[in-house]
């Protein structure tokens, strides 16, 4: 009996020694056709973690030891224009081939661990075929439901069509596919209230820097481009010169530019009077044109539009209906294109 045990133990040791131990690094190689770059890099969220030399024939090969032995999506790049996702994990031996002129479109992975990256590329390709999400949100309910369910089914089908997907990536993508539906459903519900052509929420009796008060109804008969901002908001201040230029250019057009300050007491030592003074001083110092209003203690307009970040720009038509609840910024050339399409 003792002899048999000794033999079994010896056999187990032989099997254990013959099994390849998991590598604490990965190998990446490939060929980059028509490349004018000498380096191909791998980056994480914090920056580049590996630079690999590209040979004159476009080939390259190197190893990389990741800090954590868990799979993650990294960025593969040669320059700012040529970049693509790659899923890496210690132990993988990945080879890739692509053309520098069509970097992402022609990219193919092979070798151990390649299924993960090829899956991500297939998912990107499908998302690019989705089209303008806003057009989906404007569909009738039955057509909308069919469209969104088809999108999720397509993404699920792509996920299930790839073998040997890393379990971490599989779980993450399964959840993401459901999140797509949740995003669309929430946006669709919001669009039913705040979509194009819906009556705009109103503001009433906001303080006008020129004296008295103004309400949304004060501008009926004109398009109203609203800038929701605050004196402490850097990105808001950045848009002011562009807004002033627009106001000057469209001075004699059927549109009014209304800036609504949301300065409040919490950023003014707890004083509403100080908040109003800060707004008045800022507008005068900057010589800001257009209609300058202060919302004071009234949050209703912000809440109705679900404004969680500023600046926020809104365009309303002469009848008081929404044209765009998230209109382009003054610095965005698409805003003028929108005005032109409306005949402004």
Protein backbone atom coordinates (compact mmCIF):
# COMPACT_ATOMS: atom_id res chain seq x y z
CA UNK A 1 0.00 0.00 0.00
CA UNK A 2 2.81 2.34 0.91
CA UNK A 3 4.51 1.58 -2.40
CA UNK A 4 1.34 2.41 -4.37
CA UNK A 5 0.99 5.72 -2.52
CA UNK A 6 4.58 6.58 -3.34
CA UNK A 7 4.01 5.83 -7.03
CA UNK A 8 0.81 7.94 -7.14
CA UNK A 9 2.55 10.83 -5.45
CA UNK A 10 5.38 10.60 -7.96
CA UNK A 11 2.95 10.61 -10.89
CA UNK A 12 1.15 13.67 -9.51
CA UNK A 13 4.45 15.51 -9.15
CA UNK A 14 5.34 14.67 -12.75
CA UNK A 15 1.99 16.03 -13.99
CA UNK A 16 2.35 19.18 -11.92
CA UNK A 17 5.84 19.82 -13.21
CA UNK A 18 4.76 19.24 -16.80
CA UNK A 19 1.99 21.84 -16.60
CA UNK A 20 3.01 25.29 -17.81
CA UNK A 21 2.88 27.86 -15.05
CA UNK A 22 0.78 30.98 -15.73
CA UNK A 23 2.93 33.72 -17.22
CA UNK A 24 3.22 36.96 -15.29
CA UNK A 25 3.53 38.92 -18.52
CA UNK A 26 1.94 39.09 -21.96
CA UNK A 27 3.41 39.06 -25.44
CA UNK A 28 2.23 41.37 -28.18
CA UNK A 29 3.41 41.38 -31.78
CA UNK A 30 2.14 42.31 -35.21
CA UNK A 31 2.52 44.15 -38.45
CA UNK A 32 1.51 47.71 -39.23
CA UNK A 33 1.32 48.24 -42.99
CA UNK A 34 2.04 51.65 -44.55
CA UNK A 35 3.24 52.99 -41.24
CA UNK A 36 5.21 56.23 -41.01
CA UNK A 37 5.45 55.92 -37.23
CA UNK A 38 8.40 54.39 -35.40
CA UNK A 39 6.60 53.64 -32.13
CA UNK A 40 3.38 51.86 -31.21
CA UNK A 41 2.19 52.51 -27.67
CA UNK A 42 -0.14 50.97 -25.10
CA UNK A 43 -1.92 53.28 -22.69
CA UNK A 44 -4.23 52.97 -19.72
CA UNK A 45 -6.44 55.69 -18.24
CA UNK A 46 -3.46 57.45 -16.71
CA UNK A 47 -1.26 57.49 -19.80
CA UNK A 48 1.22 55.44 -21.82
CA UNK A 49 2.54 52.35 -20.04
CA UNK A 50 4.54 50.78 -22.89
CA UNK A 51 6.27 51.94 -26.07
CA UNK A 52 7.27 49.36 -28.67
CA UNK A 53 9.61 50.01 -31.58
CA UNK A 54 8.18 49.45 -35.07
CA UNK A 55 10.73 47.96 -37.47
CA UNK A 56 11.22 49.30 -40.99
CA UNK A 57 9.07 46.48 -42.40
CA UNK A 58 6.21 47.46 -40.05
CA UNK A 59 6.67 44.53 -37.69
CA UNK A 60 7.01 44.76 -33.92
CA UNK A 61 7.17 42.45 -30.91
CA UNK A 62 7.61 42.92 -27.17
CA UNK A 63 6.39 41.82 -23.76
CA UNK A 64 4.51 43.70 -21.08
CA UNK A 65 3.97 42.88 -17.41
CA UNK A 66 0.72 44.34 -16.12
CA UNK A 67 0.46 45.43 -12.49
CA UNK A 68 -2.80 43.60 -11.87
CA UNK A 69 -3.37 40.11 -13.19
CA UNK A 70 -6.87 40.94 -14.39
CA UNK A 71 -8.13 41.74 -17.85
CA UNK A 72 -8.79 45.36 -18.80
CA UNK A 73 -9.35 47.44 -21.91
CA UNK A 74 -6.29 49.47 -22.90
CA UNK A 75 -5.65 51.83 -25.82
CA UNK A 76 -3.33 50.89 -28.66
CA UNK A 77 -2.01 53.89 -30.60
CA UNK A 78 0.67 55.15 -32.96
CA UNK A 79 -0.51 58.78 -32.99
CA UNK A 80 -3.56 60.86 -32.09
CA UNK A 81 -5.41 59.73 -35.22
CA UNK A 82 -4.56 56.03 -35.06
CA UNK A 83 -5.88 54.50 -31.86
CA UNK A 84 -7.97 51.47 -30.96
CA UNK A 85 -9.04 49.44 -27.92
CA UNK A 86 -7.20 46.26 -26.96
CA UNK A 87 -8.05 43.85 -24.14
CA UNK A 88 -4.96 42.69 -22.28
CA UNK A 89 -4.17 40.29 -19.46
CA UNK A 90 -0.97 38.67 -18.25
CA UNK A 91 -0.49 35.35 -20.01
CA UNK A 92 -1.94 36.48 -23.35
CA UNK A 93 0.03 36.11 -26.57
CA UNK A 94 -1.63 38.49 -29.00
CA UNK A 95 -0.73 39.28 -32.58
CA UNK A 96 -2.34 41.99 -34.65
CA UNK A 97 -2.35 43.23 -38.20
CA UNK A 98 -3.63 46.54 -39.53
CA UNK A 99 -3.07 49.25 -42.08
CA UNK A 100 -1.96 52.68 -40.89
CA UNK A 101 -4.28 54.35 -43.42
CA UNK A 102 -7.36 52.52 -42.06
CA UNK A 103 -6.12 51.75 -38.56
CA UNK A 104 -9.31 50.88 -36.70
CA UNK A 105 -11.30 49.59 -39.67
CA UNK A 106 -8.66 47.05 -40.81
CA UNK A 107 -7.48 45.97 -37.36
CA UNK A 108 -7.55 42.20 -36.68
CA UNK A 109 -6.30 40.29 -33.66
CA UNK A 110 -5.14 36.67 -33.41
CA UNK A 111 -3.52 34.43 -30.82
CA UNK A 112 -4.30 33.69 -27.20
CA UNK A 113 -6.69 36.29 -25.75
CA UNK A 114 -7.51 37.80 -29.17
CA UNK A 115 -11.26 37.01 -28.98
CA UNK A 116 -11.75 39.75 -26.39
CA UNK A 117 -10.31 42.51 -28.57
CA UNK A 118 -12.04 41.26 -31.72
CA UNK A 119 -15.33 41.28 -29.83
CA UNK A 120 -14.81 44.90 -28.76
CA UNK A 121 -14.09 45.90 -32.37
CA UNK A 122 -17.30 44.16 -33.51
CA UNK A 123 -19.24 46.02 -30.85
CA UNK A 124 -17.81 49.37 -32.00
CA UNK A 125 -18.73 48.57 -35.60
CA UNK A 126 -22.32 47.84 -34.55
CA UNK A 127 -22.57 51.03 -32.49
CA UNK A 128 -21.43 53.09 -35.48
CA UNK A 129 -24.39 51.73 -37.44
CA UNK A 130 -26.84 52.86 -34.77
CA UNK A 131 -27.21 56.31 -36.29
CA UNK A 132 -28.30 59.47 -34.54
CA UNK A 133 -29.73 58.52 -31.10
CA UNK A 134 -32.01 61.57 -31.20
CA UNK A 135 -33.84 60.14 -34.21
CA UNK A 136 -34.54 56.98 -32.19
CA UNK A 137 -35.94 59.06 -29.34
CA UNK A 138 -38.34 60.79 -31.73
CA UNK A 139 -39.94 57.53 -32.92
CA UNK A 140 -43.50 56.58 -32.01
CA UNK A 141 -43.60 54.33 -28.95
CA UNK A 142 -44.15 51.03 -30.79
CA UNK A 143 -41.41 51.74 -33.34
CA UNK A 144 -39.13 52.99 -30.57
CA UNK A 145 -39.56 49.82 -28.52
CA UNK A 146 -38.87 47.61 -31.53
CA UNK A 147 -35.75 49.61 -32.42
CA UNK A 148 -34.22 49.57 -28.93
CA UNK A 149 -34.98 45.87 -28.39
CA UNK A 150 -33.27 45.15 -31.72
CA UNK A 151 -30.21 47.12 -30.66
CA UNK A 152 -29.88 45.15 -27.43
CA UNK A 153 -30.47 41.83 -29.22
CA UNK A 154 -27.71 42.69 -31.71
CA UNK A 155 -25.23 43.54 -28.96
CA UNK A 156 -26.13 40.38 -27.02
CA UNK A 157 -25.73 38.33 -30.20
CA UNK A 158 -22.27 39.76 -30.82
CA UNK A 159 -21.24 38.93 -27.26
CA UNK A 160 -22.47 35.34 -27.48
CA UNK A 161 -20.84 34.78 -30.89
CA UNK A 162 -17.30 35.04 -29.53
CA UNK A 163 -15.75 32.10 -27.70
CA UNK A 164 -13.28 32.31 -24.83
CA UNK A 165 -14.33 35.79 -23.75
CA UNK A 166 -12.75 36.70 -20.42
CA UNK A 167 -15.34 36.35 -17.65
CA UNK A 168 -14.73 39.88 -16.37
CA UNK A 169 -15.30 41.37 -19.81
CA UNK A 170 -18.34 39.17 -20.46
CA UNK A 171 -20.05 40.25 -17.23
CA UNK A 172 -19.23 43.90 -17.83
CA UNK A 173 -20.54 43.87 -21.40
CA UNK A 174 -23.70 42.00 -20.43
CA UNK A 175 -24.45 44.72 -17.90
CA UNK A 176 -23.56 47.43 -20.42
CA UNK A 177 -26.00 46.02 -22.97
CA UNK A 178 -28.78 46.35 -20.41
CA UNK A 179 -27.60 49.85 -19.50
CA UNK A 180 -28.05 50.86 -23.14
CA UNK A 181 -31.75 50.00 -22.84
CA UNK A 182 -32.01 51.86 -19.53
CA UNK A 183 -30.34 54.93 -21.03
CA UNK A 184 -32.67 54.98 -24.03
CA UNK A 185 -35.78 54.39 -21.91
CA UNK A 186 -34.91 57.23 -19.53
CA UNK A 187 -34.04 59.54 -22.43
CA UNK A 188 -37.22 58.55 -24.28
CA UNK A 189 -39.39 59.33 -21.25
CA UNK A 190 -37.64 62.68 -20.88
CA UNK A 191 -38.05 63.37 -24.59
CA UNK A 192 -41.81 62.89 -24.28
CA UNK A 193 -41.79 65.84 -21.91
CA UNK A 194 -38.90 67.90 -23.28
CA UNK A 195 -38.71 66.82 -26.91
CA UNK A 196 -38.87 69.03 -29.96
CA UNK A 197 -42.27 70.69 -30.29
CA UNK A 198 -43.28 70.15 -26.66
CA UNK A 199 -44.40 73.18 -24.64
CA UNK A 200 -41.46 74.65 -22.80
CA UNK A 201 -41.47 74.92 -19.01
CA UNK A 202 -41.86 78.55 -18.02
CA UNK A 203 -40.03 80.96 -15.76
CA UNK A 204 -41.91 83.80 -14.12
CA UNK A 205 -40.81 87.21 -12.88
CA UNK A 206 -37.05 86.82 -12.99
CA UNK A 207 -35.14 89.98 -12.02
CA UNK A 208 -34.04 92.00 -15.07
CA UNK A 209 -30.77 93.90 -14.65
CA UNK A 210 -32.31 96.82 -16.58
CA UNK A 211 -35.15 97.02 -14.08
CA UNK A 212 -38.39 95.18 -13.36
CA UNK A 213 -38.84 91.50 -14.14
CA UNK A 214 -39.23 89.27 -17.17
CA UNK A 215 -41.02 85.98 -17.82
CA UNK A 216 -40.73 83.55 -20.71
CA UNK A 217 -44.05 84.89 -22.00
CA UNK A 218 -42.40 88.32 -22.32
CA UNK A 219 -40.66 87.07 -25.47
CA UNK A 220 -43.59 85.39 -27.21
CA UNK A 221 -43.42 85.83 -30.96
CA UNK A 222 -39.64 85.47 -31.06
CA UNK A 223 -37.18 82.61 -30.86
CA UNK A 224 -35.55 82.56 -27.43
CA UNK A 225 -32.00 81.30 -26.97
CA UNK A 226 -31.45 80.79 -23.24
CA UNK A 227 -28.09 80.58 -21.50
CA UNK A 228 -28.33 79.17 -17.96
CA UNK A 229 -25.10 80.17 -16.22
CA UNK A 230 -23.45 81.54 -13.04
CA UNK A 231 -20.62 83.97 -12.30
CA UNK A 232 -18.53 81.22 -10.62
CA UNK A 233 -18.73 78.85 -13.61
CA UNK A 234 -15.53 78.78 -15.69
CA UNK A 235 -17.02 77.07 -18.79
CA UNK A 236 -19.93 79.55 -18.65
CA UNK A 237 -17.56 82.53 -18.69
CA UNK A 238 -15.65 80.95 -21.58
CA UNK A 239 -18.81 81.09 -23.73
CA UNK A 240 -19.58 84.76 -23.04
CA UNK A 241 -17.49 86.26 -25.89
CA UNK A 242 -19.08 83.83 -28.38
CA UNK A 243 -22.55 84.67 -27.07
CA UNK A 244 -21.90 88.41 -27.34
CA UNK A 245 -20.74 87.97 -30.94
CA UNK A 246 -23.94 86.06 -31.75
CA UNK A 247 -26.09 88.76 -30.14
CA UNK A 248 -24.40 91.38 -32.31
CA UNK A 249 -24.72 89.32 -35.50
CA UNK A 250 -28.40 88.49 -34.96
CA UNK A 251 -29.38 91.85 -33.46
CA UNK A 252 -32.10 92.59 -36.03
CA UNK A 253 -33.31 89.00 -36.38
CA UNK A 254 -36.39 87.37 -34.87
CA UNK A 255 -34.49 86.00 -31.89
CA UNK A 256 -33.71 87.19 -28.38
CA UNK A 257 -30.74 86.04 -26.31
CA UNK A 258 -31.61 85.55 -22.65
CA UNK A 259 -28.99 84.82 -20.00
CA UNK A 260 -30.34 83.46 -16.70
CA UNK A 261 -27.93 83.63 -13.77
CA UNK A 262 -28.34 80.93 -11.13
CA UNK A 263 -26.07 82.60 -8.56
CA UNK A 264 -27.36 81.70 -5.11
CA UNK A 265 -26.68 82.30 -1.43
CA UNK A 266 -24.52 79.24 -0.71
CA UNK A 267 -21.68 80.67 -2.80
CA UNK A 268 -22.20 84.17 -1.41
CA UNK A 269 -21.75 83.73 2.31
CA UNK A 270 -25.35 82.62 2.82
CA UNK A 271 -26.73 85.94 1.57
CA UNK A 272 -29.17 86.24 -1.33
CA UNK A 273 -28.51 89.97 -1.46
CA UNK A 274 -24.79 89.29 -1.91
CA UNK A 275 -25.56 86.76 -4.65
CA UNK A 276 -27.62 89.31 -6.56
CA UNK A 277 -24.92 91.97 -6.15
CA UNK A 278 -22.26 89.56 -7.41
CA UNK A 279 -24.35 88.93 -10.52
CA UNK A 280 -25.04 92.63 -11.13
CA UNK A 281 -21.38 93.59 -10.69
CA UNK A 282 -20.23 90.82 -13.02
CA UNK A 283 -22.65 91.76 -15.80
CA UNK A 284 -21.71 95.44 -15.59
CA UNK A 285 -17.96 94.74 -15.47
CA UNK A 286 -18.19 92.49 -18.54
CA UNK A 287 -20.59 94.88 -20.27
CA UNK A 288 -22.75 91.88 -21.10
CA UNK A 289 -25.42 92.47 -23.72
CA UNK A 290 -28.69 90.68 -24.40
CA UNK A 291 -31.35 90.14 -21.76
CA UNK A 292 -29.69 89.55 -18.37
CA UNK A 293 -31.90 87.89 -15.76
CA UNK A 294 -31.37 86.47 -12.27
CA UNK A 295 -33.47 83.52 -11.11
CA UNK A 296 -33.02 84.29 -7.42
CA UNK A 297 -34.60 81.67 -5.17
CA UNK A 298 -36.77 80.18 -7.91
CA UNK A 299 -35.41 76.75 -8.96
CA UNK A 300 -38.52 75.63 -10.87
CA UNK A 301 -37.18 76.31 -14.37
CA UNK A 302 -33.91 74.50 -13.62
CA UNK A 303 -35.73 71.56 -12.09
CA UNK A 304 -38.23 71.27 -14.95
CA UNK A 305 -35.38 71.11 -17.47
CA UNK A 306 -33.42 68.81 -15.14
CA UNK A 307 -30.38 71.06 -15.32
CA UNK A 308 -27.62 69.32 -13.38
CA UNK A 309 -24.69 71.14 -14.96
CA UNK A 310 -24.02 74.53 -16.49
CA UNK A 311 -23.70 76.16 -18.89
CA UNK A 312 -26.92 74.86 -20.42
CA UNK A 313 -28.38 76.28 -23.61
CA UNK A 314 -32.02 76.01 -24.65
CA UNK A 315 -33.78 77.15 -27.81
CA UNK A 316 -37.51 77.91 -27.77
CA UNK A 317 -39.69 78.84 -30.76
CA UNK A 318 -41.98 81.90 -31.08
CA UNK A 319 -44.97 79.87 -29.83
CA UNK A 320 -43.17 78.87 -26.63
CA UNK A 321 -42.40 75.32 -27.74
CA UNK A 322 -39.05 73.57 -27.41
CA UNK A 323 -36.78 73.52 -30.44
CA UNK A 324 -33.82 72.00 -28.58
CA UNK A 325 -33.63 71.43 -24.83
CA UNK A 326 -29.87 70.91 -25.17
CA UNK A 327 -29.02 73.41 -27.86
CA UNK A 328 -25.46 73.82 -29.22
CA UNK A 329 -23.17 76.21 -27.38
CA UNK A 330 -22.46 79.67 -28.84
CA UNK A 331 -18.96 78.47 -29.79
CA UNK A 332 -20.37 75.53 -31.76
CA UNK A 333 -20.75 76.24 -35.52
CA UNK A 334 -23.77 73.91 -35.52
CA UNK A 335 -25.74 76.61 -33.69
CA UNK A 336 -25.65 78.97 -36.68
CA UNK A 337 -26.62 76.06 -38.93
CA UNK A 338 -29.60 75.45 -36.65
CA UNK A 339 -30.59 79.12 -36.82
CA UNK A 340 -30.35 79.04 -40.62
CA UNK A 341 -32.52 75.93 -40.84
CA UNK A 342 -35.19 77.77 -38.84
CA UNK A 343 -35.02 80.82 -41.07
CA UNK A 344 -33.61 83.06 -38.39
